[in-house]
Amino acid sequence: MFDTIGGLPVHSLVIHVVVVLIPLSAIGAILIAARPKSLRLFGAATVVGAGLGTAAAFVAKESGESLASRVGLPETHADFGDKLPILALAYFVVLTVFWLYARGVPLNRNRPLWLKVFGAVLILISIGISYFTFMTGDTGAEATWSKVIEETNYGDFETEH
């Protein structure tokens, strides 16, 4: 189920959902935590994006294991990939709880101090999950492309065409 779709590895397809939706939802989370008015505009979309990104992270982990059985296991990337779904789930839970409580503040004005602190924590978690998502993708791209790039000489390619 997590191996291929139409002859392409599921992992190479689903990772793009993760690396787009998690950081994008993190930007939304920072906005809704920092600017109460943006909660109404971006709140629900931010939570849905984080949920879809989190689900995709779990699919990426499983499909990555299937792909590794075919091509080998890139250790550093696998370590990041094992942790990302759990961290994404924690981020999603914190975001959802913040969103649910923040929606209850009438007109999103005068947030209580505890909700402001919770928002600051959400901002830090959003930055952290974005960084971790980047590192997971970067180590995967490096494992996939570093040898290909090393074996090609850009100058030779340019002079031939």
C-alpha atoms as a PDB file:
ATOM      1  CA  MET A   1       0.000   0.000   0.000  1.00  0.00           C
ATOM      2  CA  PHE A   2       2.831   2.445   0.803  1.00  0.00           C
ATOM      3  CA  ASP A   3       5.166   1.210  -1.921  1.00  0.00           C
ATOM      4  CA  THR A   4       4.273   2.680  -5.332  1.00  0.00           C
ATOM      5  CA  ILE A   5       1.538   4.509  -7.215  1.00  0.00           C
ATOM      6  CA  GLY A   6       1.694   4.264 -10.982  1.00  0.00           C
ATOM      7  CA  GLY A   7       5.267   3.009 -10.748  1.00  0.00           C
ATOM      8  CA  LEU A   8       6.441   5.980  -8.644  1.00  0.00           C
ATOM      9  CA  PRO A   9       7.430   5.620  -5.000  1.00  0.00           C
ATOM     10  CA  VAL A  10       4.649   6.851  -2.732  1.00  0.00           C
ATOM     11  CA  HIS A  11       7.327   8.441  -0.542  1.00  0.00           C
ATOM     12  CA  SER A  12       8.543  10.787  -3.262  1.00  0.00           C
ATOM     13  CA  LEU A  13       4.971  11.917  -3.875  1.00  0.00           C
ATOM     14  CA  VAL A  14       3.721  12.374  -0.309  1.00  0.00           C
ATOM     15  CA  ILE A  15       6.786  14.149   1.082  1.00  0.00           C
ATOM     16  CA  HIS A  16       5.836  17.214  -0.901  1.00  0.00           C
ATOM     17  CA  VAL A  17       2.574  17.447   1.037  1.00  0.00           C
ATOM     18  CA  VAL A  18       4.554  17.365   4.286  1.00  0.00           C
ATOM     19  CA  VAL A  19       7.204  19.914   3.334  1.00  0.00           C
ATOM     20  CA  VAL A  20       4.575  22.349   2.076  1.00  0.00           C
ATOM     21  CA  LEU A  21       1.716  22.011   4.559  1.00  0.00           C
ATOM     22  CA  ILE A  22       3.603  21.798   7.840  1.00  0.00           C
ATOM     23  CA  PRO A  23       5.709  24.959   7.364  1.00  0.00           C
ATOM     24  CA  LEU A  24       2.759  26.768   5.749  1.00  0.00           C
ATOM     25  CA  SER A  25       0.525  25.885   8.691  1.00  0.00           C
ATOM     26  CA  ALA A  26       3.331  26.989  11.020  1.00  0.00           C
ATOM     27  CA  ILE A  27       3.260  30.418   9.379  1.00  0.00           C
ATOM     28  CA  GLY A  28      -0.501  30.451   9.920  1.00  0.00           C
ATOM     29  CA  ALA A  29      -0.018  29.397  13.545  1.00  0.00           C
ATOM     30  CA  ILE A  30       2.422  32.239  14.130  1.00  0.00           C
ATOM     31  CA  LEU A  31      -0.075  34.668  12.613  1.00  0.00           C
ATOM     32  CA  ILE A  32      -3.032  33.479  14.686  1.00  0.00           C
ATOM     33  CA  ALA A  33      -0.936  33.482  17.860  1.00  0.00           C
ATOM     34  CA  ALA A  34       0.554  36.927  17.264  1.00  0.00           C
ATOM     35  CA  ARG A  35      -2.418  38.715  15.687  1.00  0.00           C
ATOM     36  CA  PRO A  36      -5.794  37.901  17.226  1.00  0.00           C
ATOM     37  CA  LYS A  37      -7.669  39.260  14.201  1.00  0.00           C
ATOM     38  CA  SER A  38      -6.030  36.689  11.937  1.00  0.00           C
ATOM     39  CA  LEU A  39      -7.610  33.846  13.924  1.00  0.00           C
ATOM     40  CA  ARG A  40     -10.915  34.357  12.147  1.00  0.00           C
ATOM     41  CA  LEU A  41      -9.226  34.577   8.736  1.00  0.00           C
ATOM     42  CA  PHE A  42      -6.646  31.783   8.978  1.00  0.00           C
ATOM     43  CA  GLY A  43      -7.505  29.710  12.058  1.00  0.00           C
ATOM     44  CA  ALA A  44      -9.531  26.882  10.566  1.00  0.00           C
ATOM     45  CA  ALA A  45      -7.365  26.632   7.439  1.00  0.00           C
ATOM     46  CA  THR A  46      -4.248  26.536   9.600  1.00  0.00           C
ATOM     47  CA  VAL A  47      -5.594  23.667  11.704  1.00  0.00           C
ATOM     48  CA  VAL A  48      -6.760  21.724   8.641  1.00  0.00           C
ATOM     49  CA  GLY A  49      -3.392  22.247   6.918  1.00  0.00           C
ATOM     50  CA  ALA A  50      -1.539  21.066  10.013  1.00  0.00           C
ATOM     51  CA  GLY A  51      -3.786  18.018  10.245  1.00  0.00           C
ATOM     52  CA  LEU A  52      -3.259  17.080   6.610  1.00  0.00           C
ATOM     53  CA  GLY A  53       0.482  17.684   6.921  1.00  0.00           C
ATOM     54  CA  THR A  54       0.622  15.509  10.022  1.00  0.00           C
ATOM     55  CA  ALA A  55      -1.294  12.687   8.345  1.00  0.00           C
ATOM     56  CA  ALA A  56       1.026  12.961   5.354  1.00  0.00           C
ATOM     57  CA  ALA A  57       4.033  12.749   7.690  1.00  0.00           C
ATOM     58  CA  PHE A  58       2.814   9.370   8.939  1.00  0.00           C
ATOM     59  CA  VAL A  59       2.277   8.169   5.364  1.00  0.00           C
ATOM     60  CA  ALA A  60       5.740   9.502   4.437  1.00  0.00           C
ATOM     61  CA  LYS A  61       7.297   7.533   7.289  1.00  0.00           C
ATOM     62  CA  GLU A  62       5.630   4.287   6.255  1.00  0.00           C
ATOM     63  CA  SER A  63       6.312   4.809   2.561  1.00  0.00           C
ATOM     64  CA  GLY A  64       9.899   5.766   3.367  1.00  0.00           C
ATOM     65  CA  GLU A  65      10.363   2.420   5.073  1.00  0.00           C
ATOM     66  CA  SER A  66       9.010   0.680   1.957  1.00  0.00           C
ATOM     67  CA  LEU A  67      11.357   2.690  -0.242  1.00  0.00           C
ATOM     68  CA  ALA A  68      14.312   1.955   2.044  1.00  0.00           C
ATOM     69  CA  SER A  69      13.716  -1.762   1.592  1.00  0.00           C
ATOM     70  CA  ARG A  70      14.306  -1.209  -2.135  1.00  0.00           C
ATOM     71  CA  VAL A  71      17.159   1.310  -2.191  1.00  0.00           C
ATOM     72  CA  GLY A  72      18.795   1.157   1.228  1.00  0.00           C
ATOM     73  CA  LEU A  73      18.411   3.092   4.428  1.00  0.00           C
ATOM     74  CA  PRO A  74      19.822   6.621   4.667  1.00  0.00           C
ATOM     75  CA  GLU A  75      20.475   6.627   8.427  1.00  0.00           C
ATOM     76  CA  THR A  76      20.348  10.358   9.177  1.00  0.00           C
ATOM     77  CA  HIS A  77      17.223  10.905   7.112  1.00  0.00           C
ATOM     78  CA  ALA A  78      15.565   7.837   8.633  1.00  0.00           C
ATOM     79  CA  ASP A  79      16.268   9.165  12.130  1.00  0.00           C
ATOM     80  CA  PHE A  80      14.610  12.476  11.304  1.00  0.00           C
ATOM     81  CA  GLY A  81      11.796  10.703   9.460  1.00  0.00           C
ATOM     82  CA  ASP A  82      11.024   8.493  12.446  1.00  0.00           C
ATOM     83  CA  LYS A  83      10.612  11.516  14.722  1.00  0.00           C
ATOM     84  CA  LEU A  84       8.819  13.950  12.403  1.00  0.00           C
ATOM     85  CA  PRO A  85       5.328  12.351  12.514  1.00  0.00           C
ATOM     86  CA  ILE A  86       5.324  12.323  16.324  1.00  0.00           C
ATOM     87  CA  LEU A  87       6.540  15.924  16.530  1.00  0.00           C
ATOM     88  CA  ALA A  88       4.030  16.970  13.870  1.00  0.00           C
ATOM     89  CA  LEU A  89       1.252  15.312  15.866  1.00  0.00           C
ATOM     90  CA  ALA A  90       2.323  17.170  19.014  1.00  0.00           C
ATOM     91  CA  TYR A  91       2.399  20.445  17.043  1.00  0.00           C
ATOM     92  CA  PHE A  92      -1.057  19.699  15.613  1.00  0.00           C
ATOM     93  CA  VAL A  93      -2.487  19.027  19.089  1.00  0.00           C
ATOM     94  CA  VAL A  94      -1.002  22.223  20.571  1.00  0.00           C
ATOM     95  CA  LEU A  95      -2.238  24.252  17.588  1.00  0.00           C
ATOM     96  CA  THR A  96      -5.733  22.765  17.790  1.00  0.00           C
ATOM     97  CA  VAL A  97      -6.020  23.379  21.530  1.00  0.00           C
ATOM     98  CA  PHE A  98      -4.823  26.974  21.101  1.00  0.00           C
ATOM     99  CA  TRP A  99      -7.270  27.522  18.236  1.00  0.00           C
ATOM    100  CA  LEU A 100     -10.207  26.116  20.206  1.00  0.00           C
ATOM    101  CA  TYR A 101      -9.472  28.274  23.259  1.00  0.00           C
ATOM    102  CA  ALA A 102      -8.649  31.410  21.266  1.00  0.00           C
ATOM    103  CA  ARG A 103     -11.919  31.141  19.338  1.00  0.00           C
ATOM    104  CA  GLY A 104     -13.770  31.386  22.638  1.00  0.00           C
ATOM    105  CA  VAL A 105     -12.407  34.854  23.397  1.00  0.00           C
ATOM    106  CA  PRO A 106     -15.145  37.278  22.311  1.00  0.00           C
ATOM    107  CA  LEU A 107     -14.071  39.120  19.185  1.00  0.00           C
ATOM    108  CA  ASN A 108     -10.555  37.789  19.893  1.00  0.00           C
ATOM    109  CA  ARG A 109      -9.708  40.829  21.960  1.00  0.00           C
ATOM    110  CA  ASN A 110      -8.143  40.973  25.378  1.00  0.00           C
ATOM    111  CA  ARG A 111      -6.783  37.450  25.415  1.00  0.00           C
ATOM    112  CA  PRO A 112      -6.035  36.359  28.964  1.00  0.00           C
ATOM    113  CA  LEU A 113      -2.378  36.244  29.943  1.00  0.00           C
ATOM    114  CA  TRP A 114      -2.277  32.433  29.995  1.00  0.00           C
ATOM    115  CA  LEU A 115      -3.543  32.349  26.381  1.00  0.00           C
ATOM    116  CA  LYS A 116      -0.900  34.899  25.354  1.00  0.00           C
ATOM    117  CA  VAL A 117       1.779  32.699  26.942  1.00  0.00           C
ATOM    118  CA  PHE A 118       0.276  29.663  25.230  1.00  0.00           C
ATOM    119  CA  GLY A 119       0.444  31.623  21.953  1.00  0.00           C
ATOM    120  CA  ALA A 120       4.132  32.364  22.551  1.00  0.00           C
ATOM    121  CA  VAL A 121       4.744  28.650  23.134  1.00  0.00           C
ATOM    122  CA  LEU A 122       2.845  27.885  19.919  1.00  0.00           C
ATOM    123  CA  ILE A 123       5.089  30.315  18.032  1.00  0.00           C
ATOM    124  CA  LEU A 124       8.208  28.564  19.341  1.00  0.00           C
ATOM    125  CA  ILE A 125       6.784  25.137  18.499  1.00  0.00           C
ATOM    126  CA  SER A 126       5.873  26.386  15.012  1.00  0.00           C
ATOM    127  CA  ILE A 127       9.435  27.532  14.415  1.00  0.00           C
ATOM    128  CA  GLY A 128      10.743  24.227  15.764  1.00  0.00           C
ATOM    129  CA  ILE A 129       8.499  22.014  13.621  1.00  0.00           C
ATOM    130  CA  SER A 130       9.377  24.063  10.536  1.00  0.00           C
ATOM    131  CA  TYR A 131      13.082  23.604  11.225  1.00  0.00           C
ATOM    132  CA  PHE A 132      12.672  19.888  11.884  1.00  0.00           C
ATOM    133  CA  THR A 133      10.622  19.470   8.695  1.00  0.00           C
ATOM    134  CA  PHE A 134      13.316  21.304   6.749  1.00  0.00           C
ATOM    135  CA  MET A 135      16.061  19.123   8.231  1.00  0.00           C
ATOM    136  CA  THR A 136      14.119  15.948   7.463  1.00  0.00           C
ATOM    137  CA  GLY A 137      13.614  17.014   3.850  1.00  0.00           C
ATOM    138  CA  ASP A 138      17.172  18.262   3.499  1.00  0.00           C
ATOM    139  CA  THR A 139      18.725  15.016   4.710  1.00  0.00           C
ATOM    140  CA  GLY A 140      16.448  13.083   2.360  1.00  0.00           C
ATOM    141  CA  ALA A 141      17.356  15.272  -0.593  1.00  0.00           C
ATOM    142  CA  GLU A 142      21.029  14.958   0.265  1.00  0.00           C
ATOM    143  CA  ALA A 143      20.752  11.167   0.462  1.00  0.00           C
ATOM    144  CA  THR A 144      18.953  11.105  -2.890  1.00  0.00           C
ATOM    145  CA  TRP A 145      20.887  13.657  -4.887  1.00  0.00           C
ATOM    146  CA  SER A 146      24.386  14.161  -3.439  1.00  0.00           C
ATOM    147  CA  LYS A 147      26.020  11.348  -5.443  1.00  0.00           C
ATOM    148  CA  VAL A 148      24.232  12.393  -8.633  1.00  0.00           C
ATOM    149  CA  ILE A 149      25.431  15.964  -8.229  1.00  0.00           C
ATOM    150  CA  GLU A 150      28.992  14.862  -7.415  1.00  0.00           C
ATOM    151  CA  GLU A 151      29.121  12.665 -10.509  1.00  0.00           C
ATOM    152  CA  THR A 152      28.004  15.401 -12.869  1.00  0.00           C
ATOM    153  CA  ASN A 153      30.245  18.185 -14.003  1.00  0.00           C
ATOM    154  CA  TYR A 154      28.109  21.220 -14.683  1.00  0.00           C
ATOM    155  CA  GLY A 155      30.780  22.846 -16.857  1.00  0.00           C
ATOM    156  CA  ASP A 156      30.975  19.821 -19.153  1.00  0.00           C
ATOM    157  CA  PHE A 157      27.203  19.738 -19.538  1.00  0.00           C
ATOM    158  CA  GLU A 158      27.067  23.413 -20.468  1.00  0.00           C
ATOM    159  CA  THR A 159      29.741  23.141 -23.168  1.00  0.00           C
ATOM    160  CA  GLU A 160      28.047  20.149 -24.797  1.00  0.00           C
ATOM    161  CA  HIS A 161      24.736  21.947 -25.280  1.00  0.00           C
END
